[in-house]
Amino acid sequence: MAQGIGISSAKEAPPRVNEWRRFFRVFLGRGLVVFGMVVILAFLVAAIFAPQIAPYDPLKRNLSEALQQPNAQHLLGTDAIGRDTLSRLIYGAQISLIVGVLVVCIAGGIGVILGAIAGYFGGIIGAVIMRSMDTLMTIPLMILALAIAALLGGGLKNVVIALGFGLIPGYARLMSAQVLVAKETDYVMAGHAMGASNWRIIFRHIVPNCFSPILVVITMMMGTTILAEAGLSFIGIGITPPTPAWGSMVSDGRNYLLTNPMLSIAPGVAIMLLVFSFNMVGDGLRDALDPRLRGII
């Protein structure tokens, strides 16, 4: 009897692990990830409700209040033409997040499609796509974005185009590598056996199953995009004045670092916090979605 009980116990299936519980346990297990989520949520709320939160019109000039130090009326002071720094900082969050979201959507969408086609079909099609991506990757992102932005001019639309074009190769290469592995799996073979078309197999089966690493890259690229947009605005070929953008705010405050350092420090700290937060959340997603951690509660 004891032997029978032992055999029965040995054959019992291991307890089923709740995948959502595992995901949130790993994802929220690091304090920096939680901090990043809070910071991103705070900036997102500020961007969405900027008209209600901002104490002043970010474009309104008042020369009589120019270059004020932080005080009760202007918590972060005013710039050289009397605009409220806090209001411009809040509205600048809109620009940074809009650029980040649009760029990763455009670059991610095009890159995923090109990478999936190159990895699945291979041959001449794959070679042409991937060699084109390799060529683009030889040019640093900021140099390529500078060239495109200088050619097209400043403004939100042109900044999105410039940065989106420069980020396509990263997504394409990652998706191509994922598809090369996925197309040899059993579910893809079963799809072929059932007569499913190549496009159905790619976009209905392969791409969804390869999306976890893409999600991690999207999150991290948000920070890269925000930093790149700030760099373009800093040198004057990004978001055109008087639209509030953090990069141009840092640039405008350079001449007053000794007398009114808050003009550059405030937007600089905002850029640092948001980029850092997206990177931390990306690290957390990478750990939570890592297949090697599956089964860990």
C-alpha atoms as a PDB file:
ATOM      1  CA  MET A   1       0.000   0.000   0.000  1.00  0.00           C
ATOM      2  CA  ALA A   2       2.768   2.432   0.908  1.00  0.00           C
ATOM      3  CA  GLN A   3       4.500   1.649  -2.362  1.00  0.00           C
ATOM      4  CA  GLY A   4       1.288   2.337  -4.295  1.00  0.00           C
ATOM      5  CA  ILE A   5       0.819   5.666  -2.558  1.00  0.00           C
ATOM      6  CA  GLY A   6       4.388   6.619  -3.375  1.00  0.00           C
ATOM      7  CA  ILE A   7       3.919   5.777  -7.071  1.00  0.00           C
ATOM      8  CA  SER A   8       0.674   7.745  -7.183  1.00  0.00           C
ATOM      9  CA  SER A   9       2.295  10.779  -5.566  1.00  0.00           C
ATOM     10  CA  ALA A  10       5.249  10.605  -7.932  1.00  0.00           C
ATOM     11  CA  LYS A  11       2.918  10.734 -10.921  1.00  0.00           C
ATOM     12  CA  GLU A  12       0.957  13.750  -9.706  1.00  0.00           C
ATOM     13  CA  ALA A  13       1.262  16.728 -12.043  1.00  0.00           C
ATOM     14  CA  PRO A  14       3.085  19.774 -10.659  1.00  0.00           C
ATOM     15  CA  PRO A  15       0.828  22.610  -9.522  1.00  0.00           C
ATOM     16  CA  ARG A  16      -0.197  24.924 -12.328  1.00  0.00           C
ATOM     17  CA  VAL A  17       1.408  28.333 -12.201  1.00  0.00           C
ATOM     18  CA  ASN A  18      -0.807  31.319 -12.864  1.00  0.00           C
ATOM     19  CA  GLU A  19       0.990  33.198 -15.636  1.00  0.00           C
ATOM     20  CA  TRP A  20      -0.463  36.599 -14.736  1.00  0.00           C
ATOM     21  CA  ARG A  21       0.499  36.142 -11.117  1.00  0.00           C
ATOM     22  CA  ARG A  22       4.017  35.177 -12.136  1.00  0.00           C
ATOM     23  CA  PHE A  23       4.262  38.134 -14.527  1.00  0.00           C
ATOM     24  CA  PHE A  24       3.210  40.743 -11.978  1.00  0.00           C
ATOM     25  CA  ARG A  25       5.303  39.129  -9.235  1.00  0.00           C
ATOM     26  CA  VAL A  26       8.455  39.407 -11.362  1.00  0.00           C
ATOM     27  CA  PHE A  27       7.550  42.729 -12.984  1.00  0.00           C
ATOM     28  CA  LEU A  28       6.681  44.522  -9.740  1.00  0.00           C
ATOM     29  CA  GLY A  29       9.363  42.778  -7.721  1.00  0.00           C
ATOM     30  CA  ARG A  30      11.870  45.579  -8.289  1.00  0.00           C
ATOM     31  CA  GLY A  31      11.457  48.955  -6.632  1.00  0.00           C
ATOM     32  CA  LEU A  32      12.945  50.832  -9.593  1.00  0.00           C
ATOM     33  CA  VAL A  33      10.324  49.372 -11.912  1.00  0.00           C
ATOM     34  CA  VAL A  34       7.531  50.535  -9.624  1.00  0.00           C
ATOM     35  CA  PHE A  35       9.187  53.952  -9.386  1.00  0.00           C
ATOM     36  CA  GLY A  36       9.376  54.111 -13.184  1.00  0.00           C
ATOM     37  CA  MET A  37       5.716  53.218 -13.531  1.00  0.00           C
ATOM     38  CA  VAL A  38       4.726  55.944 -11.076  1.00  0.00           C
ATOM     39  CA  VAL A  39       6.845  58.559 -12.881  1.00  0.00           C
ATOM     40  CA  ILE A  40       5.478  57.612 -16.312  1.00  0.00           C
ATOM     41  CA  LEU A  41       1.918  57.672 -14.981  1.00  0.00           C
ATOM     42  CA  ALA A  42       2.520  61.103 -13.410  1.00  0.00           C
ATOM     43  CA  PHE A  43       3.845  62.566 -16.664  1.00  0.00           C
ATOM     44  CA  LEU A  44       1.014  60.932 -18.606  1.00  0.00           C
ATOM     45  CA  VAL A  45      -1.606  62.474 -16.329  1.00  0.00           C
ATOM     46  CA  ALA A  46       0.140  65.859 -16.575  1.00  0.00           C
ATOM     47  CA  ALA A  47       0.183  65.635 -20.375  1.00  0.00           C
ATOM     48  CA  ILE A  48      -3.473  64.608 -20.697  1.00  0.00           C
ATOM     49  CA  PHE A  49      -4.781  67.169 -18.214  1.00  0.00           C
ATOM     50  CA  ALA A  50      -2.272  69.935 -19.001  1.00  0.00           C
ATOM     51  CA  PRO A  51      -4.966  72.604 -19.631  1.00  0.00           C
ATOM     52  CA  GLN A  52      -6.456  71.911 -16.196  1.00  0.00           C
ATOM     53  CA  ILE A  53      -3.159  71.477 -14.320  1.00  0.00           C
ATOM     54  CA  ALA A  54      -0.965  74.222 -15.807  1.00  0.00           C
ATOM     55  CA  PRO A  55      -1.373  77.448 -13.826  1.00  0.00           C
ATOM     56  CA  TYR A  56      -0.734  79.732 -16.829  1.00  0.00           C
ATOM     57  CA  ASP A  57      -0.874  79.803 -20.610  1.00  0.00           C
ATOM     58  CA  PRO A  58       2.535  78.402 -21.679  1.00  0.00           C
ATOM     59  CA  LEU A  59       2.696  80.802 -24.642  1.00  0.00           C
ATOM     60  CA  LYS A  60       1.631  83.982 -22.865  1.00  0.00           C
ATOM     61  CA  ARG A  61       4.402  86.572 -22.597  1.00  0.00           C
ATOM     62  CA  ASN A  62       4.708  89.053 -19.757  1.00  0.00           C
ATOM     63  CA  LEU A  63       7.932  91.032 -19.989  1.00  0.00           C
ATOM     64  CA  SER A  64       7.264  92.723 -16.669  1.00  0.00           C
ATOM     65  CA  GLU A  65       7.688  89.315 -14.967  1.00  0.00           C
ATOM     66  CA  ALA A  66      10.676  88.136 -16.996  1.00  0.00           C
ATOM     67  CA  LEU A  67      13.401  86.013 -15.334  1.00  0.00           C
ATOM     68  CA  GLN A  68      11.704  85.733 -11.973  1.00  0.00           C
ATOM     69  CA  GLN A  69      13.119  83.327  -9.434  1.00  0.00           C
ATOM     70  CA  PRO A  70      10.813  80.566  -8.125  1.00  0.00           C
ATOM     71  CA  ASN A  71       8.107  82.125  -5.974  1.00  0.00           C
ATOM     72  CA  ALA A  72       4.529  81.615  -4.822  1.00  0.00           C
ATOM     73  CA  GLN A  73       3.062  82.820  -8.145  1.00  0.00           C
ATOM     74  CA  HIS A  74       5.569  81.008 -10.380  1.00  0.00           C
ATOM     75  CA  LEU A  75       6.784  77.860  -8.642  1.00  0.00           C
ATOM     76  CA  LEU A  76       9.658  77.345 -11.101  1.00  0.00           C
ATOM     77  CA  GLY A  77      10.128  80.993 -12.052  1.00  0.00           C
ATOM     78  CA  THR A  78       9.725  82.549 -15.496  1.00  0.00           C
ATOM     79  CA  ASP A  79      11.850  82.646 -18.641  1.00  0.00           C
ATOM     80  CA  ALA A  80      13.413  85.588 -20.474  1.00  0.00           C
ATOM     81  CA  ILE A  81      10.086  86.780 -21.894  1.00  0.00           C
ATOM     82  CA  GLY A  82       7.976  86.156 -18.806  1.00  0.00           C
ATOM     83  CA  ARG A  83       6.461  82.759 -19.621  1.00  0.00           C
ATOM     84  CA  ASP A  84       5.758  80.478 -16.670  1.00  0.00           C
ATOM     85  CA  THR A  85       8.355  77.691 -16.544  1.00  0.00           C
ATOM     86  CA  LEU A  86       6.117  75.167 -14.766  1.00  0.00           C
ATOM     87  CA  SER A  87       3.338  75.595 -17.330  1.00  0.00           C
ATOM     88  CA  ARG A  88       5.760  75.126 -20.191  1.00  0.00           C
ATOM     89  CA  LEU A  89       7.211  72.065 -18.461  1.00  0.00           C
ATOM     90  CA  ILE A  90       3.755  70.479 -18.139  1.00  0.00           C
ATOM     91  CA  TYR A  91       2.853  71.173 -21.770  1.00  0.00           C
ATOM     92  CA  GLY A  92       6.288  69.946 -22.826  1.00  0.00           C
ATOM     93  CA  ALA A  93       5.332  66.509 -21.473  1.00  0.00           C
ATOM     94  CA  GLN A  94       2.637  66.385 -24.160  1.00  0.00           C
ATOM     95  CA  ILE A  95       5.200  66.904 -26.919  1.00  0.00           C
ATOM     96  CA  SER A  96       7.654  64.342 -25.546  1.00  0.00           C
ATOM     97  CA  LEU A  97       5.045  61.617 -25.073  1.00  0.00           C
ATOM     98  CA  ILE A  98       3.318  62.295 -28.401  1.00  0.00           C
ATOM     99  CA  VAL A  99       6.630  62.104 -30.257  1.00  0.00           C
ATOM    100  CA  GLY A 100       7.615  58.961 -28.357  1.00  0.00           C
ATOM    101  CA  VAL A 101       4.347  57.147 -29.044  1.00  0.00           C
ATOM    102  CA  LEU A 102       4.126  58.156 -32.713  1.00  0.00           C
ATOM    103  CA  VAL A 103       7.745  57.277 -33.449  1.00  0.00           C
ATOM    104  CA  VAL A 104       7.662  53.821 -31.846  1.00  0.00           C
ATOM    105  CA  CYS A 105       4.324  53.052 -33.526  1.00  0.00           C
ATOM    106  CA  ILE A 106       5.588  54.058 -36.973  1.00  0.00           C
ATOM    107  CA  ALA A 107       9.071  52.561 -36.640  1.00  0.00           C
ATOM    108  CA  GLY A 108       7.789  49.476 -34.830  1.00  0.00           C
ATOM    109  CA  GLY A 109       4.986  48.839 -37.311  1.00  0.00           C
ATOM    110  CA  ILE A 110       7.172  49.186 -40.407  1.00  0.00           C
ATOM    111  CA  GLY A 111      10.128  47.393 -38.827  1.00  0.00           C
ATOM    112  CA  VAL A 112       8.029  44.436 -37.640  1.00  0.00           C
ATOM    113  CA  ILE A 113       6.452  43.983 -41.077  1.00  0.00           C
ATOM    114  CA  LEU A 114       9.777  44.209 -42.927  1.00  0.00           C
ATOM    115  CA  GLY A 115      11.504  41.913 -40.435  1.00  0.00           C
ATOM    116  CA  ALA A 116       8.708  39.344 -40.580  1.00  0.00           C
ATOM    117  CA  ILE A 117       8.774  39.276 -44.389  1.00  0.00           C
ATOM    118  CA  ALA A 118      12.570  39.030 -44.499  1.00  0.00           C
ATOM    119  CA  GLY A 119      12.745  36.275 -41.894  1.00  0.00           C
ATOM    120  CA  TYR A 120       9.874  34.206 -43.287  1.00  0.00           C
ATOM    121  CA  PHE A 121      10.559  34.325 -47.014  1.00  0.00           C
ATOM    122  CA  GLY A 122      14.340  34.740 -46.944  1.00  0.00           C
ATOM    123  CA  GLY A 123      16.085  34.491 -50.307  1.00  0.00           C
ATOM    124  CA  ILE A 124      16.492  37.627 -52.406  1.00  0.00           C
ATOM    125  CA  ILE A 125      13.621  39.409 -50.650  1.00  0.00           C
ATOM    126  CA  GLY A 126      15.142  38.830 -47.217  1.00  0.00           C
ATOM    127  CA  ALA A 127      18.632  39.747 -48.394  1.00  0.00           C
ATOM    128  CA  VAL A 128      17.511  43.045 -49.926  1.00  0.00           C
ATOM    129  CA  ILE A 129      15.515  44.042 -46.836  1.00  0.00           C
ATOM    130  CA  MET A 130      18.191  43.111 -44.306  1.00  0.00           C
ATOM    131  CA  ARG A 131      21.083  44.629 -46.267  1.00  0.00           C
ATOM    132  CA  SER A 132      19.075  47.851 -46.480  1.00  0.00           C
ATOM    133  CA  MET A 133      18.555  47.743 -42.723  1.00  0.00           C
ATOM    134  CA  ASP A 134      22.267  47.054 -42.192  1.00  0.00           C
ATOM    135  CA  THR A 135      23.105  50.100 -44.295  1.00  0.00           C
ATOM    136  CA  LEU A 136      20.810  52.317 -42.223  1.00  0.00           C
ATOM    137  CA  MET A 137      22.270  50.935 -38.984  1.00  0.00           C
ATOM    138  CA  THR A 138      25.766  52.056 -39.991  1.00  0.00           C
ATOM    139  CA  ILE A 139      24.572  55.642 -39.595  1.00  0.00           C
ATOM    140  CA  PRO A 140      24.138  56.756 -35.953  1.00  0.00           C
ATOM    141  CA  LEU A 141      20.537  57.585 -35.078  1.00  0.00           C
ATOM    142  CA  MET A 142      21.181  61.234 -34.236  1.00  0.00           C
ATOM    143  CA  ILE A 143      23.228  61.825 -37.413  1.00  0.00           C
ATOM    144  CA  LEU A 144      20.513  60.275 -39.567  1.00  0.00           C
ATOM    145  CA  ALA A 145      17.767  62.178 -37.724  1.00  0.00           C
ATOM    146  CA  LEU A 146      19.749  65.409 -38.042  1.00  0.00           C
ATOM    147  CA  ALA A 147      20.107  64.941 -41.783  1.00  0.00           C
ATOM    148  CA  ILE A 148      16.424  64.158 -42.322  1.00  0.00           C
ATOM    149  CA  ALA A 149      15.222  66.914 -39.985  1.00  0.00           C
ATOM    150  CA  ALA A 150      17.548  69.443 -41.643  1.00  0.00           C
ATOM    151  CA  LEU A 151      16.202  68.388 -45.047  1.00  0.00           C
ATOM    152  CA  LEU A 152      12.519  68.453 -44.080  1.00  0.00           C
ATOM    153  CA  GLY A 153      12.681  71.284 -41.530  1.00  0.00           C
ATOM    154  CA  GLY A 154      11.510  71.446 -37.948  1.00  0.00           C
ATOM    155  CA  GLY A 155       8.075  70.749 -36.536  1.00  0.00           C
ATOM    156  CA  LEU A 156       6.352  67.825 -34.885  1.00  0.00           C
ATOM    157  CA  LYS A 157       5.569  65.924 -38.100  1.00  0.00           C
ATOM    158  CA  ASN A 158       9.094  66.142 -39.480  1.00  0.00           C
ATOM    159  CA  VAL A 159      10.690  65.174 -36.154  1.00  0.00           C
ATOM    160  CA  VAL A 160       8.474  62.074 -36.012  1.00  0.00           C
ATOM    161  CA  ILE A 161       9.434  61.154 -39.594  1.00  0.00           C
ATOM    162  CA  ALA A 162      13.149  61.692 -38.948  1.00  0.00           C
ATOM    163  CA  LEU A 163      13.279  59.639 -35.753  1.00  0.00           C
ATOM    164  CA  GLY A 164      10.867  56.972 -37.006  1.00  0.00           C
ATOM    165  CA  PHE A 165      12.954  56.358 -40.117  1.00  0.00           C
ATOM    166  CA  GLY A 166      16.106  56.014 -38.043  1.00  0.00           C
ATOM    167  CA  LEU A 167      14.623  53.442 -35.640  1.00  0.00           C
ATOM    168  CA  ILE A 168      13.151  51.049 -38.212  1.00  0.00           C
ATOM    169  CA  PRO A 169      16.294  48.852 -38.583  1.00  0.00           C
ATOM    170  CA  GLY A 170      16.374  47.838 -34.914  1.00  0.00           C
ATOM    171  CA  TYR A 171      12.831  46.475 -35.009  1.00  0.00           C
ATOM    172  CA  ALA A 172      13.362  44.807 -38.387  1.00  0.00           C
ATOM    173  CA  ARG A 173      16.483  42.929 -37.294  1.00  0.00           C
ATOM    174  CA  LEU A 174      14.919  41.750 -34.044  1.00  0.00           C
ATOM    175  CA  MET A 175      11.727  40.530 -35.734  1.00  0.00           C
ATOM    176  CA  SER A 176      13.669  38.808 -38.498  1.00  0.00           C
ATOM    177  CA  ALA A 177      15.694  36.867 -35.935  1.00  0.00           C
ATOM    178  CA  GLN A 178      12.526  35.869 -34.051  1.00  0.00           C
ATOM    179  CA  VAL A 179      10.754  34.743 -37.223  1.00  0.00           C
ATOM    180  CA  LEU A 180      13.707  32.631 -38.371  1.00  0.00           C
ATOM    181  CA  VAL A 181      13.260  30.547 -35.226  1.00  0.00           C
ATOM    182  CA  ALA A 182       9.450  30.612 -35.103  1.00  0.00           C
ATOM    183  CA  LYS A 183       8.891  29.455 -38.695  1.00  0.00           C
ATOM    184  CA  GLU A 184      10.420  26.068 -37.843  1.00  0.00           C
ATOM    185  CA  THR A 185       8.037  25.399 -34.950  1.00  0.00           C
ATOM    186  CA  ASP A 186       5.252  22.817 -34.939  1.00  0.00           C
ATOM    187  CA  TYR A 187       2.366  25.295 -35.026  1.00  0.00           C
ATOM    188  CA  VAL A 188       3.716  26.853 -38.224  1.00  0.00           C
ATOM    189  CA  MET A 189       4.144  23.416 -39.790  1.00  0.00           C
ATOM    190  CA  ALA A 190       0.566  22.596 -38.782  1.00  0.00           C
ATOM    191  CA  GLY A 191      -0.621  25.814 -40.422  1.00  0.00           C
ATOM    192  CA  HIS A 192       1.061  24.820 -43.678  1.00  0.00           C
ATOM    193  CA  ALA A 193      -0.482  21.358 -43.471  1.00  0.00           C
ATOM    194  CA  MET A 194      -3.940  22.872 -43.036  1.00  0.00           C
ATOM    195  CA  GLY A 195      -3.483  25.014 -46.138  1.00  0.00           C
ATOM    196  CA  ALA A 196      -3.153  28.409 -44.433  1.00  0.00           C
ATOM    197  CA  SER A 197      -1.635  31.129 -46.612  1.00  0.00           C
ATOM    198  CA  ASN A 198       1.812  32.518 -45.877  1.00  0.00           C
ATOM    199  CA  TRP A 199       0.412  35.910 -44.878  1.00  0.00           C
ATOM    200  CA  ARG A 200      -2.080  34.333 -42.492  1.00  0.00           C
ATOM    201  CA  ILE A 201       0.678  32.296 -40.868  1.00  0.00           C
ATOM    202  CA  ILE A 202       2.922  35.372 -40.556  1.00  0.00           C
ATOM    203  CA  PHE A 203       0.438  37.837 -39.103  1.00  0.00           C
ATOM    204  CA  ARG A 204      -1.974  35.477 -37.343  1.00  0.00           C
ATOM    205  CA  HIS A 205       0.488  33.068 -35.776  1.00  0.00           C
ATOM    206  CA  ILE A 206       4.156  34.048 -36.005  1.00  0.00           C
ATOM    207  CA  VAL A 207       4.068  37.789 -35.219  1.00  0.00           C
ATOM    208  CA  PRO A 208       1.833  37.476 -32.102  1.00  0.00           C
ATOM    209  CA  ASN A 209       4.088  34.730 -30.737  1.00  0.00           C
ATOM    210  CA  CYS A 210       7.204  36.846 -31.349  1.00  0.00           C
ATOM    211  CA  PHE A 211       5.804  40.038 -29.841  1.00  0.00           C
ATOM    212  CA  SER A 212       7.208  39.753 -26.298  1.00  0.00           C
ATOM    213  CA  PRO A 213      10.754  40.930 -27.149  1.00  0.00           C
ATOM    214  CA  ILE A 214       9.311  43.600 -29.449  1.00  0.00           C
ATOM    215  CA  LEU A 215       7.267  44.962 -26.525  1.00  0.00           C
ATOM    216  CA  VAL A 216      10.432  45.257 -24.443  1.00  0.00           C
ATOM    217  CA  VAL A 217      12.225  47.112 -27.245  1.00  0.00           C
ATOM    218  CA  ILE A 218       9.239  49.433 -27.759  1.00  0.00           C
ATOM    219  CA  THR A 219       9.334  50.423 -24.091  1.00  0.00           C
ATOM    220  CA  MET A 220      13.066  51.078 -24.107  1.00  0.00           C
ATOM    221  CA  MET A 221      12.910  52.925 -27.422  1.00  0.00           C
ATOM    222  CA  MET A 222      10.387  55.340 -25.903  1.00  0.00           C
ATOM    223  CA  GLY A 223      13.186  56.671 -23.726  1.00  0.00           C
ATOM    224  CA  THR A 224      15.620  56.790 -26.639  1.00  0.00           C
ATOM    225  CA  THR A 225      13.078  58.655 -28.771  1.00  0.00           C
ATOM    226  CA  ILE A 226      12.311  61.228 -26.077  1.00  0.00           C
ATOM    227  CA  LEU A 227      16.018  61.862 -25.579  1.00  0.00           C
ATOM    228  CA  ALA A 228      16.613  62.162 -29.333  1.00  0.00           C
ATOM    229  CA  GLU A 229      13.710  64.608 -29.732  1.00  0.00           C
ATOM    230  CA  ALA A 230      15.098  66.699 -26.887  1.00  0.00           C
ATOM    231  CA  GLY A 231      18.490  66.704 -28.607  1.00  0.00           C
ATOM    232  CA  LEU A 232      17.020  67.876 -31.912  1.00  0.00           C
ATOM    233  CA  SER A 233      15.017  70.603 -30.171  1.00  0.00           C
ATOM    234  CA  PHE A 234      18.090  71.634 -28.169  1.00  0.00           C
ATOM    235  CA  ILE A 235      20.060  72.429 -31.326  1.00  0.00           C
ATOM    236  CA  GLY A 236      17.104  74.180 -32.945  1.00  0.00           C
ATOM    237  CA  ILE A 237      15.910  71.746 -35.641  1.00  0.00           C
ATOM    238  CA  GLY A 238      13.309  69.877 -33.621  1.00  0.00           C
ATOM    239  CA  ILE A 239      10.028  71.255 -32.309  1.00  0.00           C
ATOM    240  CA  THR A 240       9.707  74.816 -33.547  1.00  0.00           C
ATOM    241  CA  PRO A 241       9.177  77.707 -31.082  1.00  0.00           C
ATOM    242  CA  PRO A 242       7.086  78.890 -29.379  1.00  0.00           C
ATOM    243  CA  THR A 243       5.745  75.352 -28.827  1.00  0.00           C
ATOM    244  CA  PRO A 244       7.048  74.236 -25.417  1.00  0.00           C
ATOM    245  CA  ALA A 245       9.562  71.394 -25.778  1.00  0.00           C
ATOM    246  CA  TRP A 246      11.956  70.275 -23.073  1.00  0.00           C
ATOM    247  CA  GLY A 247      15.015  70.316 -25.323  1.00  0.00           C
ATOM    248  CA  SER A 248      14.459  73.887 -26.461  1.00  0.00           C
ATOM    249  CA  MET A 249      13.731  74.922 -22.858  1.00  0.00           C
ATOM    250  CA  VAL A 250      17.132  73.578 -21.787  1.00  0.00           C
ATOM    251  CA  SER A 251      18.736  75.452 -24.672  1.00  0.00           C
ATOM    252  CA  ASP A 252      16.946  78.724 -23.862  1.00  0.00           C
ATOM    253  CA  GLY A 253      18.086  78.542 -20.240  1.00  0.00           C
ATOM    254  CA  ARG A 254      21.796  78.102 -21.018  1.00  0.00           C
ATOM    255  CA  ASN A 255      22.458  81.830 -20.900  1.00  0.00           C
ATOM    256  CA  TYR A 256      20.987  82.092 -17.411  1.00  0.00           C
ATOM    257  CA  LEU A 257      22.583  79.113 -15.662  1.00  0.00           C
ATOM    258  CA  LEU A 258      24.258  81.320 -13.060  1.00  0.00           C
ATOM    259  CA  THR A 259      21.308  83.603 -12.381  1.00  0.00           C
ATOM    260  CA  ASN A 260      18.244  81.415 -13.130  1.00  0.00           C
ATOM    261  CA  PRO A 261      19.464  77.797 -13.234  1.00  0.00           C
ATOM    262  CA  MET A 262      15.921  76.437 -12.891  1.00  0.00           C
ATOM    263  CA  LEU A 263      15.222  77.367 -16.523  1.00  0.00           C
ATOM    264  CA  SER A 264      17.513  74.537 -17.663  1.00  0.00           C
ATOM    265  CA  ILE A 265      17.500  72.295 -14.606  1.00  0.00           C
ATOM    266  CA  ALA A 266      13.723  71.730 -14.534  1.00  0.00           C
ATOM    267  CA  PRO A 267      13.341  70.435 -18.127  1.00  0.00           C
ATOM    268  CA  GLY A 268      16.664  68.595 -17.862  1.00  0.00           C
ATOM    269  CA  VAL A 269      15.494  66.704 -14.779  1.00  0.00           C
ATOM    270  CA  ALA A 270      12.160  65.954 -16.505  1.00  0.00           C
ATOM    271  CA  ILE A 271      13.979  64.423 -19.489  1.00  0.00           C
ATOM    272  CA  MET A 272      16.254  62.408 -17.197  1.00  0.00           C
ATOM    273  CA  LEU A 273      13.371  61.063 -15.084  1.00  0.00           C
ATOM    274  CA  LEU A 274      11.192  60.063 -18.030  1.00  0.00           C
ATOM    275  CA  VAL A 275      13.990  58.381 -19.987  1.00  0.00           C
ATOM    276  CA  PHE A 276      15.217  56.577 -16.866  1.00  0.00           C
ATOM    277  CA  SER A 277      11.676  55.426 -16.047  1.00  0.00           C
ATOM    278  CA  PHE A 278      11.045  53.955 -19.500  1.00  0.00           C
ATOM    279  CA  ASN A 279      14.371  52.125 -19.333  1.00  0.00           C
ATOM    280  CA  MET A 280      13.531  50.668 -15.920  1.00  0.00           C
ATOM    281  CA  VAL A 281      10.070  49.566 -17.063  1.00  0.00           C
ATOM    282  CA  GLY A 282      11.671  47.993 -20.134  1.00  0.00           C
ATOM    283  CA  ASP A 283      14.080  46.073 -17.894  1.00  0.00           C
ATOM    284  CA  GLY A 284      11.156  44.915 -15.785  1.00  0.00           C
ATOM    285  CA  LEU A 285       9.222  43.716 -18.831  1.00  0.00           C
ATOM    286  CA  ARG A 286      12.291  41.878 -20.101  1.00  0.00           C
ATOM    287  CA  ASP A 287      12.628  40.005 -16.805  1.00  0.00           C
ATOM    288  CA  ALA A 288       8.902  39.259 -16.554  1.00  0.00           C
ATOM    289  CA  LEU A 289       8.618  38.011 -20.129  1.00  0.00           C
ATOM    290  CA  ASP A 290      11.830  35.972 -20.089  1.00  0.00           C
ATOM    291  CA  PRO A 291      10.859  32.322 -20.803  1.00  0.00           C
ATOM    292  CA  ARG A 292      13.635  31.155 -18.467  1.00  0.00           C
ATOM    293  CA  LEU A 293      11.666  32.640 -15.557  1.00  0.00           C
ATOM    294  CA  ARG A 294       8.437  30.807 -16.351  1.00  0.00           C
ATOM    295  CA  GLY A 295       7.187  28.772 -13.434  1.00  0.00           C
ATOM    296  CA  ILE A 296       8.796  31.095 -10.880  1.00  0.00           C
ATOM    297  CA  ILE A 297       6.223  32.599  -8.525  1.00  0.00           C
END
